[in-house]
């Protein structure tokens, strides 16, 4: 269980890997589109696509091992379990948010997000 401050620290520690994940995810999207159109890609070919997929899965596993619950891939959505005002909550971070500023009850999911 994380306090809000601990969840923010955990997210900050993951930030370099998150940024690399986002870049690799974009590269893979372009590579797949080029492969489908059968045009040369600056990102390589099928072997590179498989390597990027493996890297993305490894990153997602790393986020989980670091304590985050991966709730979404595109956009990236990470939750960190905690307690707020005596309730079990998930400190909720969505790709592009500068830090964790939302939470939701563990039983309500993303639609139950509230500002901290």
PDB file of N, CA and C in Angstrom:
ATOM      1  N   UNK A   1       0.843  -1.184   0.000  1.00  0.00           N
ATOM      2  CA  UNK A   1       0.000   0.000   0.000  1.00  0.00           C
ATOM      3  C   UNK A   1       0.888   1.247   0.000  1.00  0.00           C
ATOM      4  N   UNK A   2       0.506   2.174  -0.797  1.00  0.00           N
ATOM      5  CA  UNK A   2       1.264   3.404  -0.949  1.00  0.00           C
ATOM      6  C   UNK A   2       0.505   4.574  -0.346  1.00  0.00           C
ATOM      7  N   UNK A   3       1.234   5.481   0.284  1.00  0.00           N
ATOM      8  CA  UNK A   3       0.677   6.795   0.552  1.00  0.00           C
ATOM      9  C   UNK A   3       0.706   7.545  -0.780  1.00  0.00           C
ATOM     10  N   UNK A   4       0.031   8.665  -0.865  1.00  0.00           N
ATOM     11  CA  UNK A   4       0.076   9.450  -2.090  1.00  0.00           C
ATOM     12  C   UNK A   4       1.507   9.862  -2.406  1.00  0.00           C
ATOM     13  N   UNK A   5       2.249  10.297  -1.400  1.00  0.00           N
ATOM     14  CA  UNK A   5       3.641  10.711  -1.615  1.00  0.00           C
ATOM     15  C   UNK A   5       4.489   9.543  -2.122  1.00  0.00           C
ATOM     16  N   UNK A   6       4.285   8.366  -1.560  1.00  0.00           N
ATOM     17  CA  UNK A   6       5.043   7.191  -2.008  1.00  0.00           C
ATOM     18  C   UNK A   6       4.667   6.809  -3.437  1.00  0.00           C
ATOM     19  N   UNK A   7       3.399   6.898  -3.784  1.00  0.00           N
ATOM     20  CA  UNK A   7       2.972   6.591  -5.151  1.00  0.00           C
ATOM     21  C   UNK A   7       3.584   7.579  -6.139  1.00  0.00           C
ATOM     22  N   UNK A   8       3.621   8.841  -5.752  1.00  0.00           N
ATOM     23  CA  UNK A   8       4.240   9.847  -6.626  1.00  0.00           C
ATOM     24  C   UNK A   8       5.725   9.581  -6.801  1.00  0.00           C
ATOM     25  N   UNK A   9       6.394   9.173  -5.727  1.00  0.00           N
ATOM     26  CA  UNK A   9       7.817   8.840  -5.811  1.00  0.00           C
ATOM     27  C   UNK A   9       8.025   7.621  -6.702  1.00  0.00           C
ATOM     28  N   UNK A  10       7.194   6.606  -6.540  1.00  0.00           N
ATOM     29  CA  UNK A  10       7.300   5.400  -7.375  1.00  0.00           C
ATOM     30  C   UNK A  10       7.102   5.753  -8.849  1.00  0.00           C
ATOM     31  N   UNK A  11       6.137   6.604  -9.143  1.00  0.00           N
ATOM     32  CA  UNK A  11       5.910   7.023 -10.517  1.00  0.00           C
ATOM     33  C   UNK A  11       7.122   7.781 -11.053  1.00  0.00           C
ATOM     34  N   UNK A  12       7.675   8.674 -10.256  1.00  0.00           N
ATOM     35  CA  UNK A  12       8.855   9.435 -10.679  1.00  0.00           C
ATOM     36  C   UNK A  12      10.021   8.507 -10.987  1.00  0.00           C
ATOM     37  N   UNK A  13      10.185   7.464 -10.197  1.00  0.00           N
ATOM     38  CA  UNK A  13      11.262   6.500 -10.442  1.00  0.00           C
ATOM     39  C   UNK A  13      11.030   5.709 -11.721  1.00  0.00           C
ATOM     40  N   UNK A  14       9.787   5.495 -12.075  1.00  0.00           N
ATOM     41  CA  UNK A  14       9.454   4.771 -13.308  1.00  0.00           C
ATOM     42  C   UNK A  14       9.508   5.665 -14.551  1.00  0.00           C
ATOM     43  N   UNK A  15       9.536   6.955 -14.356  1.00  0.00           N
ATOM     44  CA  UNK A  15       9.388   7.907 -15.465  1.00  0.00           C
ATOM     45  C   UNK A  15      10.342   7.658 -16.636  1.00  0.00           C
ATOM     46  N   UNK A  16      11.638   7.429 -16.428  1.00  0.00           N
ATOM     47  CA  UNK A  16      12.505   7.176 -17.597  1.00  0.00           C
ATOM     48  C   UNK A  16      12.062   5.947 -18.397  1.00  0.00           C
ATOM     49  N   UNK A  17      11.660   4.899 -17.701  1.00  0.00           N
ATOM     50  CA  UNK A  17      11.205   3.689 -18.405  1.00  0.00           C
ATOM     51  C   UNK A  17       9.856   3.947 -19.086  1.00  0.00           C
ATOM     52  N   UNK A  18       9.020   4.752 -18.462  1.00  0.00           N
ATOM     53  CA  UNK A  18       7.735   5.108 -19.085  1.00  0.00           C
ATOM     54  C   UNK A  18       7.975   5.866 -20.385  1.00  0.00           C
ATOM     55  N   UNK A  19       8.870   6.837 -20.361  1.00  0.00           N
ATOM     56  CA  UNK A  19       9.156   7.623 -21.564  1.00  0.00           C
ATOM     57  C   UNK A  19       9.697   6.733 -22.676  1.00  0.00           C
ATOM     58  N   UNK A  20      10.571   5.794 -22.337  1.00  0.00           N
ATOM     59  CA  UNK A  20      11.092   4.851 -23.326  1.00  0.00           C
ATOM     60  C   UNK A  20       9.975   3.953 -23.860  1.00  0.00           C
ATOM     61  N   UNK A  21       9.071   3.525 -22.972  1.00  0.00           N
ATOM     62  CA  UNK A  21       7.929   2.712 -23.371  1.00  0.00           C
ATOM     63  C   UNK A  21       7.061   3.458 -24.379  1.00  0.00           C
ATOM     64  N   UNK A  22       6.759   4.720 -24.101  1.00  0.00           N
ATOM     65  CA  UNK A  22       5.905   5.502 -24.985  1.00  0.00           C
ATOM     66  C   UNK A  22       6.542   5.669 -26.364  1.00  0.00           C
ATOM     67  N   UNK A  23       7.846   5.890 -26.396  1.00  0.00           N
ATOM     68  CA  UNK A  23       8.544   6.024 -27.683  1.00  0.00           C
ATOM     69  C   UNK A  23       8.525   4.701 -28.440  1.00  0.00           C
ATOM     70  N   UNK A  24       8.795   3.596 -27.749  1.00  0.00           N
ATOM     71  CA  UNK A  24       8.795   2.287 -28.400  1.00  0.00           C
ATOM     72  C   UNK A  24       7.402   1.920 -28.896  1.00  0.00           C
ATOM     73  N   UNK A  25       6.374   2.270 -28.132  1.00  0.00           N
ATOM     74  CA  UNK A  25       5.002   1.988 -28.548  1.00  0.00           C
ATOM     75  C   UNK A  25       4.671   2.739 -29.834  1.00  0.00           C
ATOM     76  N   UNK A  26       5.099   4.000 -29.944  1.00  0.00           N
ATOM     77  CA  UNK A  26       4.870   4.790 -31.159  1.00  0.00           C
ATOM     78  C   UNK A  26       5.650   4.202 -32.341  1.00  0.00           C
ATOM     79  N   UNK A  27       6.903   3.809 -32.084  1.00  0.00           N
ATOM     80  CA  UNK A  27       7.705   3.175 -33.137  1.00  0.00           C
ATOM     81  C   UNK A  27       7.013   1.918 -33.656  1.00  0.00           C
ATOM     82  N   UNK A  28       6.510   1.105 -32.753  1.00  0.00           N
ATOM     83  CA  UNK A  28       5.840  -0.132 -33.148  1.00  0.00           C
ATOM     84  C   UNK A  28       4.577   0.164 -33.953  1.00  0.00           C
ATOM     85  N   UNK A  29       3.828   1.169 -33.558  1.00  0.00           N
ATOM     86  CA  UNK A  29       2.616   1.517 -34.304  1.00  0.00           C
ATOM     87  C   UNK A  29       2.962   1.904 -35.742  1.00  0.00           C
ATOM     88  N   UNK A  30       3.998   2.722 -35.914  1.00  0.00           N
ATOM     89  CA  UNK A  30       4.406   3.121 -37.264  1.00  0.00           C
ATOM     90  C   UNK A  30       4.951   1.933 -38.042  1.00  0.00           C
ATOM     91  N   UNK A  31       5.743   1.100 -37.382  1.00  0.00           N
ATOM     92  CA  UNK A  31       6.307  -0.070 -38.048  1.00  0.00           C
ATOM     93  C   UNK A  31       5.201  -1.011 -38.515  1.00  0.00           C
ATOM     94  N   UNK A  32       4.234  -1.271 -37.664  1.00  0.00           N
ATOM     95  CA  UNK A  32       3.114  -2.142 -38.063  1.00  0.00           C
ATOM     96  C   UNK A  32       2.352  -1.550 -39.253  1.00  0.00           C
ATOM     97  N   UNK A  33       2.125  -0.244 -39.235  1.00  0.00           N
ATOM     98  CA  UNK A  33       1.419   0.397 -40.353  1.00  0.00           C
ATOM     99  C   UNK A  33       2.225   0.256 -41.637  1.00  0.00           C
ATOM    100  N   UNK A  34       3.542   0.450 -41.565  1.00  0.00           N
ATOM    101  CA  UNK A  34       4.394   0.303 -42.745  1.00  0.00           C
ATOM    102  C   UNK A  34       4.403  -1.142 -43.237  1.00  0.00           C
ATOM    103  N   UNK A  35       4.458  -2.082 -42.313  1.00  0.00           N
ATOM    104  CA  UNK A  35       4.434  -3.492 -42.712  1.00  0.00           C
ATOM    105  C   UNK A  35       3.112  -3.837 -43.398  1.00  0.00           C
ATOM    106  N   UNK A  36       2.026  -3.320 -42.885  1.00  0.00           N
ATOM    107  CA  UNK A  36       0.719  -3.601 -43.486  1.00  0.00           C
ATOM    108  C   UNK A  36       0.619  -3.013 -44.891  1.00  0.00           C
ATOM    109  N   UNK A  37       1.193  -1.835 -45.072  1.00  0.00           N
ATOM    110  CA  UNK A  37       1.174  -1.194 -46.388  1.00  0.00           C
ATOM    111  C   UNK A  37       2.259  -1.753 -47.304  1.00  0.00           C
ATOM    112  N   UNK A  38       3.124  -2.588 -46.731  1.00  0.00           N
ATOM    113  CA  UNK A  38       4.241  -3.195 -47.464  1.00  0.00           C
ATOM    114  C   UNK A  38       5.168  -2.135 -48.055  1.00  0.00           C
ATOM    115  N   UNK A  39       5.510  -1.156 -47.218  1.00  0.00           N
ATOM    116  CA  UNK A  39       6.472  -0.123 -47.605  1.00  0.00           C
ATOM    117  C   UNK A  39       7.648  -0.180 -46.640  1.00  0.00           C
ATOM    118  N   UNK A  40       8.827   0.250 -47.081  1.00  0.00           N
ATOM    119  CA  UNK A  40       9.985   0.251 -46.179  1.00  0.00           C
ATOM    120  C   UNK A  40       9.725   1.134 -44.957  1.00  0.00           C
ATOM    121  N   UNK A  41      10.241   0.691 -43.831  1.00  0.00           N
ATOM    122  CA  UNK A  41      10.062   1.443 -42.592  1.00  0.00           C
ATOM    123  C   UNK A  41      11.412   1.799 -41.996  1.00  0.00           C
ATOM    124  N   UNK A  42      11.543   3.013 -41.483  1.00  0.00           N
ATOM    125  CA  UNK A  42      12.794   3.360 -40.797  1.00  0.00           C
ATOM    126  C   UNK A  42      12.978   2.557 -39.506  1.00  0.00           C
ATOM    127  N   UNK A  43      11.929   1.849 -39.080  1.00  0.00           N
ATOM    128  CA  UNK A  43      11.993   1.089 -37.837  1.00  0.00           C
ATOM    129  C   UNK A  43      12.331  -0.377 -38.067  1.00  0.00           C
ATOM    130  N   UNK A  44      12.508  -0.783 -39.322  1.00  0.00           N
ATOM    131  CA  UNK A  44      12.918  -2.149 -39.612  1.00  0.00           C
ATOM    132  C   UNK A  44      11.821  -2.961 -40.261  1.00  0.00           C
ATOM    133  N   UNK A  45      11.814  -4.251 -39.907  1.00  0.00           N
ATOM    134  CA  UNK A  45      10.866  -5.180 -40.501  1.00  0.00           C
ATOM    135  C   UNK A  45      10.189  -6.008 -39.430  1.00  0.00           C
ATOM    136  N   UNK A  46       9.770  -7.204 -39.807  1.00  0.00           N
ATOM    137  CA  UNK A  46       9.025  -8.071 -38.882  1.00  0.00           C
ATOM    138  C   UNK A  46       9.841  -8.443 -37.646  1.00  0.00           C
ATOM    139  N   UNK A  47      11.124  -8.697 -37.821  1.00  0.00           N
ATOM    140  CA  UNK A  47      11.960  -9.062 -36.667  1.00  0.00           C
ATOM    141  C   UNK A  47      12.020  -7.912 -35.662  1.00  0.00           C
ATOM    142  N   UNK A  48      12.151  -6.700 -36.161  1.00  0.00           N
ATOM    143  CA  UNK A  48      12.191  -5.537 -35.270  1.00  0.00           C
ATOM    144  C   UNK A  48      10.841  -5.321 -34.601  1.00  0.00           C
ATOM    145  N   UNK A  49       9.752  -5.619 -35.319  1.00  0.00           N
ATOM    146  CA  UNK A  49       8.425  -5.502 -34.715  1.00  0.00           C
ATOM    147  C   UNK A  49       8.304  -6.477 -33.547  1.00  0.00           C
ATOM    148  N   UNK A  50       8.755  -7.708 -33.739  1.00  0.00           N
ATOM    149  CA  UNK A  50       8.702  -8.699 -32.653  1.00  0.00           C
ATOM    150  C   UNK A  50       9.574  -8.248 -31.482  1.00  0.00           C
ATOM    151  N   UNK A  51      10.734  -7.672 -31.777  1.00  0.00           N
ATOM    152  CA  UNK A  51      11.609  -7.192 -30.706  1.00  0.00           C
ATOM    153  C   UNK A  51      10.955  -6.047 -29.935  1.00  0.00           C
ATOM    154  N   UNK A  52      10.306  -5.137 -30.654  1.00  0.00           N
ATOM    155  CA  UNK A  52       9.614  -4.037 -29.976  1.00  0.00           C
ATOM    156  C   UNK A  52       8.466  -4.556 -29.124  1.00  0.00           C
ATOM    157  N   UNK A  53       7.717  -5.529 -29.627  1.00  0.00           N
ATOM    158  CA  UNK A  53       6.638  -6.117 -28.834  1.00  0.00           C
ATOM    159  C   UNK A  53       7.184  -6.724 -27.549  1.00  0.00           C
ATOM    160  N   UNK A  54       8.285  -7.465 -27.665  1.00  0.00           N
ATOM    161  CA  UNK A  54       8.896  -8.090 -26.489  1.00  0.00           C
ATOM    162  C   UNK A  54       9.350  -7.025 -25.499  1.00  0.00           C
ATOM    163  N   UNK A  55       9.909  -5.946 -26.009  1.00  0.00           N
ATOM    164  CA  UNK A  55      10.366  -4.864 -25.129  1.00  0.00           C
ATOM    165  C   UNK A  55       9.187  -4.223 -24.396  1.00  0.00           C
ATOM    166  N   UNK A  56       8.094  -3.998 -25.119  1.00  0.00           N
ATOM    167  CA  UNK A  56       6.921  -3.396 -24.480  1.00  0.00           C
ATOM    168  C   UNK A  56       6.359  -4.298 -23.386  1.00  0.00           C
ATOM    169  N   UNK A  57       6.272  -5.591 -23.663  1.00  0.00           N
ATOM    170  CA  UNK A  57       5.782  -6.517 -22.640  1.00  0.00           C
ATOM    171  C   UNK A  57       6.718  -6.546 -21.441  1.00  0.00           C
ATOM    172  N   UNK A  58       8.022  -6.487 -21.684  1.00  0.00           N
ATOM    173  CA  UNK A  58       8.988  -6.456 -20.579  1.00  0.00           C
ATOM    174  C   UNK A  58       8.808  -5.182 -19.742  1.00  0.00           C
ATOM    175  N   UNK A  59       8.568  -4.062 -20.408  1.00  0.00           N
ATOM    176  CA  UNK A  59       8.328  -2.812 -19.677  1.00  0.00           C
ATOM    177  C   UNK A  59       7.072  -2.916 -18.820  1.00  0.00           C
ATOM    178  N   UNK A  60       5.994  -3.464 -19.381  1.00  0.00           N
ATOM    179  CA  UNK A  60       4.755  -3.613 -18.617  1.00  0.00           C
ATOM    180  C   UNK A  60       4.972  -4.511 -17.404  1.00  0.00           C
ATOM    181  N   UNK A  61       5.732  -5.586 -17.573  1.00  0.00           N
ATOM    182  CA  UNK A  61       6.056  -6.459 -16.442  1.00  0.00           C
ATOM    183  C   UNK A  61       6.881  -5.714 -15.409  1.00  0.00           C
ATOM    184  N   UNK A  62       7.803  -4.883 -15.867  1.00  0.00           N
ATOM    185  CA  UNK A  62       8.630  -4.089 -14.951  1.00  0.00           C
ATOM    186  C   UNK A  62       7.759  -3.136 -14.131  1.00  0.00           C
ATOM    187  N   UNK A  63       6.805  -2.480 -14.783  1.00  0.00           N
ATOM    188  CA  UNK A  63       5.911  -1.572 -14.054  1.00  0.00           C
ATOM    189  C   UNK A  63       5.154  -2.338 -12.973  1.00  0.00           C
ATOM    190  N   UNK A  64       4.681  -3.525 -13.305  1.00  0.00           N
ATOM    191  CA  UNK A  64       3.973  -4.355 -12.333  1.00  0.00           C
ATOM    192  C   UNK A  64       4.872  -4.793 -11.192  1.00  0.00           C
ATOM    193  N   UNK A  65       6.077  -5.198 -11.507  1.00  0.00           N
ATOM    194  CA  UNK A  65       7.021  -5.632 -10.475  1.00  0.00           C
ATOM    195  C   UNK A  65       7.406  -4.480  -9.552  1.00  0.00           C
ATOM    196  N   UNK A  66       7.331  -3.259 -10.071  1.00  0.00           N
ATOM    197  CA  UNK A  66       7.658  -2.073  -9.267  1.00  0.00           C
ATOM    198  C   UNK A  66       6.493  -1.644  -8.385  1.00  0.00           C
ATOM    199  N   UNK A  67       5.357  -2.338  -8.483  1.00  0.00           N
ATOM    200  CA  UNK A  67       4.230  -2.040  -7.606  1.00  0.00           C
ATOM    201  C   UNK A  67       3.038  -1.391  -8.273  1.00  0.00           C
ATOM    202  N   UNK A  68       3.167  -1.037  -9.545  1.00  0.00           N
ATOM    203  CA  UNK A  68       2.054  -0.422 -10.254  1.00  0.00           C
ATOM    204  C   UNK A  68       1.156  -1.514 -10.825  1.00  0.00           C
ATOM    205  N   UNK A  69      -0.123  -1.235 -10.860  1.00  0.00           N
ATOM    206  CA  UNK A  69      -1.063  -2.097 -11.576  1.00  0.00           C
ATOM    207  C   UNK A  69      -1.269  -1.477 -12.950  1.00  0.00           C
ATOM    208  N   UNK A  70      -0.950  -2.231 -13.985  1.00  0.00           N
ATOM    209  CA  UNK A  70      -1.107  -1.729 -15.346  1.00  0.00           C
ATOM    210  C   UNK A  70      -2.558  -1.946 -15.749  1.00  0.00           C
ATOM    211  N   UNK A  71      -3.272  -0.853 -15.975  1.00  0.00           N
ATOM    212  CA  UNK A  71      -4.693  -0.925 -16.320  1.00  0.00           C
ATOM    213  C   UNK A  71      -4.953  -0.591 -17.783  1.00  0.00           C
ATOM    214  N   UNK A  72      -3.959  -0.026 -18.442  1.00  0.00           N
ATOM    215  CA  UNK A  72      -4.119   0.316 -19.849  1.00  0.00           C
ATOM    216  C   UNK A  72      -2.778   0.404 -20.528  1.00  0.00           C
ATOM    217  N   UNK A  73      -2.785   0.136 -21.820  1.00  0.00           N
ATOM    218  CA  UNK A  73      -1.574   0.075 -22.644  1.00  0.00           C
ATOM    219  C   UNK A  73      -1.459   1.312 -23.527  1.00  0.00           C
ATOM    220  N   UNK A  74      -2.587   1.731 -24.094  1.00  0.00           N
ATOM    221  CA  UNK A  74      -2.611   2.889 -24.982  1.00  0.00           C
ATOM    222  C   UNK A  74      -3.963   3.571 -24.828  1.00  0.00           C
ATOM    223  N   UNK A  75      -4.069   4.575 -24.032  1.00  0.00           N
ATOM    224  CA  UNK A  75      -2.988   5.213 -23.287  1.00  0.00           C
ATOM    225  C   UNK A  75      -2.559   4.385 -22.075  1.00  0.00           C
ATOM    226  N   UNK A  76      -1.331   4.619 -21.655  1.00  0.00           N
ATOM    227  CA  UNK A  76      -0.792   3.933 -20.479  1.00  0.00           C
ATOM    228  C   UNK A  76      -1.522   4.438 -19.237  1.00  0.00           C
ATOM    229  N   UNK A  77      -2.018   3.498 -18.459  1.00  0.00           N
ATOM    230  CA  UNK A  77      -2.751   3.814 -17.238  1.00  0.00           C
ATOM    231  C   UNK A  77      -2.200   2.946 -16.119  1.00  0.00           C
ATOM    232  N   UNK A  78      -1.672   3.595 -15.088  1.00  0.00           N
ATOM    233  CA  UNK A  78      -1.084   2.888 -13.948  1.00  0.00           C
ATOM    234  C   UNK A  78      -1.825   3.270 -12.673  1.00  0.00           C
ATOM    235  N   UNK A  79      -2.084   2.271 -11.847  1.00  0.00           N
ATOM    236  CA  UNK A  79      -2.688   2.477 -10.529  1.00  0.00           C
ATOM    237  C   UNK A  79      -1.738   1.959  -9.464  1.00  0.00           C
ATOM    238  N   UNK A  80      -1.722   2.637  -8.336  1.00  0.00           N
ATOM    239  CA  UNK A  80      -0.918   2.235  -7.188  1.00  0.00           C
ATOM    240  C   UNK A  80      -1.866   2.065  -6.002  1.00  0.00           C
ATOM    241  N   UNK A  81      -1.925   0.881  -5.396  1.00  0.00           N
ATOM    242  CA  UNK A  81      -2.858   0.665  -4.290  1.00  0.00           C
ATOM    243  C   UNK A  81      -2.488   1.488  -3.063  1.00  0.00           C
ATOM    244  N   UNK A  82      -3.514   1.994  -2.392  1.00  0.00           N
ATOM    245  CA  UNK A  82      -3.291   2.775  -1.189  1.00  0.00           C
ATOM    246  C   UNK A  82      -4.557   2.874  -0.354  1.00  0.00           C
ATOM    247  N   UNK A  83      -4.477   3.706   0.659  1.00  0.00           N
ATOM    248  CA  UNK A  83      -5.624   3.978   1.526  1.00  0.00           C
ATOM    249  C   UNK A  83      -5.765   5.491   1.601  1.00  0.00           C
ATOM    250  N   UNK A  84      -7.000   5.959   1.460  1.00  0.00           N
ATOM    251  CA  UNK A  84      -7.279   7.390   1.527  1.00  0.00           C
ATOM    252  C   UNK A  84      -8.568   7.568   2.308  1.00  0.00           C
ATOM    253  N   UNK A  85      -8.488   8.338   3.355  1.00  0.00           N
ATOM    254  CA  UNK A  85      -9.643   8.597   4.219  1.00  0.00           C
ATOM    255  C   UNK A  85     -10.294   7.295   4.681  1.00  0.00           C
ATOM    256  N   UNK A  86      -9.448   6.311   5.008  1.00  0.00           N
ATOM    257  CA  UNK A  86      -9.917   5.042   5.534  1.00  0.00           C
ATOM    258  C   UNK A  86     -10.461   4.063   4.505  1.00  0.00           C
ATOM    259  N   UNK A  87     -10.413   4.408   3.214  1.00  0.00           N
ATOM    260  CA  UNK A  87     -10.915   3.547   2.130  1.00  0.00           C
ATOM    261  C   UNK A  87      -9.747   2.992   1.332  1.00  0.00           C
ATOM    262  N   UNK A  88      -9.889   1.758   0.867  1.00  0.00           N
ATOM    263  CA  UNK A  88      -8.937   1.233  -0.103  1.00  0.00           C
ATOM    264  C   UNK A  88      -9.152   1.978  -1.410  1.00  0.00           C
ATOM    265  N   UNK A  89      -8.069   2.525  -1.946  1.00  0.00           N
ATOM    266  CA  UNK A  89      -8.144   3.285  -3.191  1.00  0.00           C
ATOM    267  C   UNK A  89      -7.007   2.859  -4.103  1.00  0.00           C
ATOM    268  N   UNK A  90      -7.081   3.354  -5.304  1.00  0.00           N
ATOM    269  CA  UNK A  90      -5.982   3.241  -6.252  1.00  0.00           C
ATOM    270  C   UNK A  90      -5.592   4.653  -6.649  1.00  0.00           C
ATOM    271  N   UNK A  91      -4.331   4.986  -6.407  1.00  0.00           N
ATOM    272  CA  UNK A  91      -3.802   6.265  -6.867  1.00  0.00           C
ATOM    273  C   UNK A  91      -3.630   6.102  -8.370  1.00  0.00           C
ATOM    274  N   UNK A  92      -4.269   6.921  -9.136  1.00  0.00           N
ATOM    275  CA  UNK A  92      -4.457   6.690 -10.566  1.00  0.00           C
ATOM    276  C   UNK A  92      -3.660   7.696 -11.394  1.00  0.00           C
ATOM    277  N   UNK A  93      -2.848   7.165 -12.306  1.00  0.00           N
ATOM    278  CA  UNK A  93      -2.069   8.017 -13.215  1.00  0.00           C
ATOM    279  C   UNK A  93      -2.358   7.609 -14.644  1.00  0.00           C
ATOM    280  N   UNK A  94      -2.666   8.584 -15.474  1.00  0.00           N
ATOM    281  CA  UNK A  94      -2.931   8.385 -16.893  1.00  0.00           C
ATOM    282  C   UNK A  94      -1.844   9.083 -17.690  1.00  0.00           C
ATOM    283  N   UNK A  95      -1.365   8.398 -18.701  1.00  0.00           N
ATOM    284  CA  UNK A  95      -0.351   8.950 -19.601  1.00  0.00           C
ATOM    285  C   UNK A  95      -0.640  10.417 -19.901  1.00  0.00           C
ATOM    286  N   UNK A  96       0.378  11.218 -19.852  1.00  0.00           N
ATOM    287  CA  UNK A  96       0.394  12.661 -20.116  1.00  0.00           C
ATOM    288  C   UNK A  96       0.092  13.501 -18.884  1.00  0.00           C
ATOM    289  N   UNK A  97      -0.365  12.893 -17.795  1.00  0.00           N
ATOM    290  CA  UNK A  97      -0.545  13.663 -16.563  1.00  0.00           C
ATOM    291  C   UNK A  97       0.825  13.855 -15.916  1.00  0.00           C
ATOM    292  N   UNK A  98       1.118  15.062 -15.423  1.00  0.00           N
ATOM    293  CA  UNK A  98       2.455  15.323 -14.875  1.00  0.00           C
ATOM    294  C   UNK A  98       2.771  14.529 -13.613  1.00  0.00           C
ATOM    295  N   UNK A  99       1.775  14.240 -12.800  1.00  0.00           N
ATOM    296  CA  UNK A  99       1.965  13.439 -11.595  1.00  0.00           C
ATOM    297  C   UNK A  99       0.616  12.838 -11.203  1.00  0.00           C
ATOM    298  N   UNK A 100       0.616  12.100 -10.129  1.00  0.00           N
ATOM    299  CA  UNK A 100      -0.636  11.502  -9.663  1.00  0.00           C
ATOM    300  C   UNK A 100      -1.448  12.569  -8.951  1.00  0.00           C
ATOM    301  N   UNK A 101      -2.604  12.872  -9.512  1.00  0.00           N
ATOM    302  CA  UNK A 101      -3.504  13.851  -8.907  1.00  0.00           C
ATOM    303  C   UNK A 101      -4.929  13.309  -8.808  1.00  0.00           C
ATOM    304  N   UNK A 102      -5.091  12.011  -9.076  1.00  0.00           N
ATOM    305  CA  UNK A 102      -6.400  11.373  -9.056  1.00  0.00           C
ATOM    306  C   UNK A 102      -6.341  10.086  -8.248  1.00  0.00           C
ATOM    307  N   UNK A 103      -7.484   9.690  -7.756  1.00  0.00           N
ATOM    308  CA  UNK A 103      -7.631   8.392  -7.104  1.00  0.00           C
ATOM    309  C   UNK A 103      -9.027   7.888  -7.408  1.00  0.00           C
ATOM    310  N   UNK A 104      -9.233   6.616  -7.176  1.00  0.00           N
ATOM    311  CA  UNK A 104     -10.586   6.071  -7.223  1.00  0.00           C
ATOM    312  C   UNK A 104     -10.655   4.907  -6.257  1.00  0.00           C
ATOM    313  N   UNK A 105     -11.852   4.636  -5.772  1.00  0.00           N
ATOM    314  CA  UNK A 105     -12.029   3.468  -4.917  1.00  0.00           C
ATOM    315  C   UNK A 105     -11.651   2.239  -5.714  1.00  0.00           C
ATOM    316  N   UNK A 106     -11.124   1.245  -5.016  1.00  0.00           N
ATOM    317  CA  UNK A 106     -10.671   0.031  -5.681  1.00  0.00           C
ATOM    318  C   UNK A 106     -11.815  -0.677  -6.394  1.00  0.00           C
ATOM    319  N   UNK A 107     -13.028  -0.502  -5.911  1.00  0.00           N
ATOM    320  CA  UNK A 107     -14.168  -1.205  -6.514  1.00  0.00           C
ATOM    321  C   UNK A 107     -14.913  -0.377  -7.560  1.00  0.00           C
ATOM    322  N   UNK A 108     -14.405   0.818  -7.888  1.00  0.00           N
ATOM    323  CA  UNK A 108     -15.123   1.681  -8.831  1.00  0.00           C
ATOM    324  C   UNK A 108     -14.414   1.852 -10.172  1.00  0.00           C
ATOM    325  N   UNK A 109     -13.138   1.616 -10.215  1.00  0.00           N
ATOM    326  CA  UNK A 109     -12.412   1.749 -11.478  1.00  0.00           C
ATOM    327  C   UNK A 109     -12.302   3.183 -11.969  1.00  0.00           C
ATOM    328  N   UNK A 110     -11.820   3.302 -13.195  1.00  0.00           N
ATOM    329  CA  UNK A 110     -11.539   4.602 -13.799  1.00  0.00           C
ATOM    330  C   UNK A 110     -12.738   5.548 -13.793  1.00  0.00           C
ATOM    331  N   UNK A 111     -13.969   5.066 -14.035  1.00  0.00           N
ATOM    332  CA  UNK A 111     -15.105   6.001 -14.016  1.00  0.00           C
ATOM    333  C   UNK A 111     -15.307   6.691 -12.662  1.00  0.00           C
ATOM    334  N   UNK A 112     -14.758   6.098 -11.594  1.00  0.00           N
ATOM    335  CA  UNK A 112     -14.900   6.685 -10.268  1.00  0.00           C
ATOM    336  C   UNK A 112     -13.768   7.610  -9.876  1.00  0.00           C
ATOM    337  N   UNK A 113     -12.937   8.006 -10.844  1.00  0.00           N
ATOM    338  CA  UNK A 113     -11.797   8.888 -10.530  1.00  0.00           C
ATOM    339  C   UNK A 113     -12.258  10.199  -9.926  1.00  0.00           C
ATOM    340  N   UNK A 114     -11.491  10.594  -8.904  1.00  0.00           N
ATOM    341  CA  UNK A 114     -11.729  11.897  -8.248  1.00  0.00           C
ATOM    342  C   UNK A 114     -10.391  12.571  -8.033  1.00  0.00           C
ATOM    343  N   UNK A 115     -10.390  13.895  -8.058  1.00  0.00           N
ATOM    344  CA  UNK A 115      -9.130  14.599  -7.774  1.00  0.00           C
ATOM    345  C   UNK A 115      -8.750  14.433  -6.301  1.00  0.00           C
ATOM    346  N   UNK A 116      -7.469  14.372  -6.070  1.00  0.00           N
ATOM    347  CA  UNK A 116      -6.963  14.235  -4.694  1.00  0.00           C
ATOM    348  C   UNK A 116      -7.218  15.516  -3.941  1.00  0.00           C
TER     349      UNK A 116
END
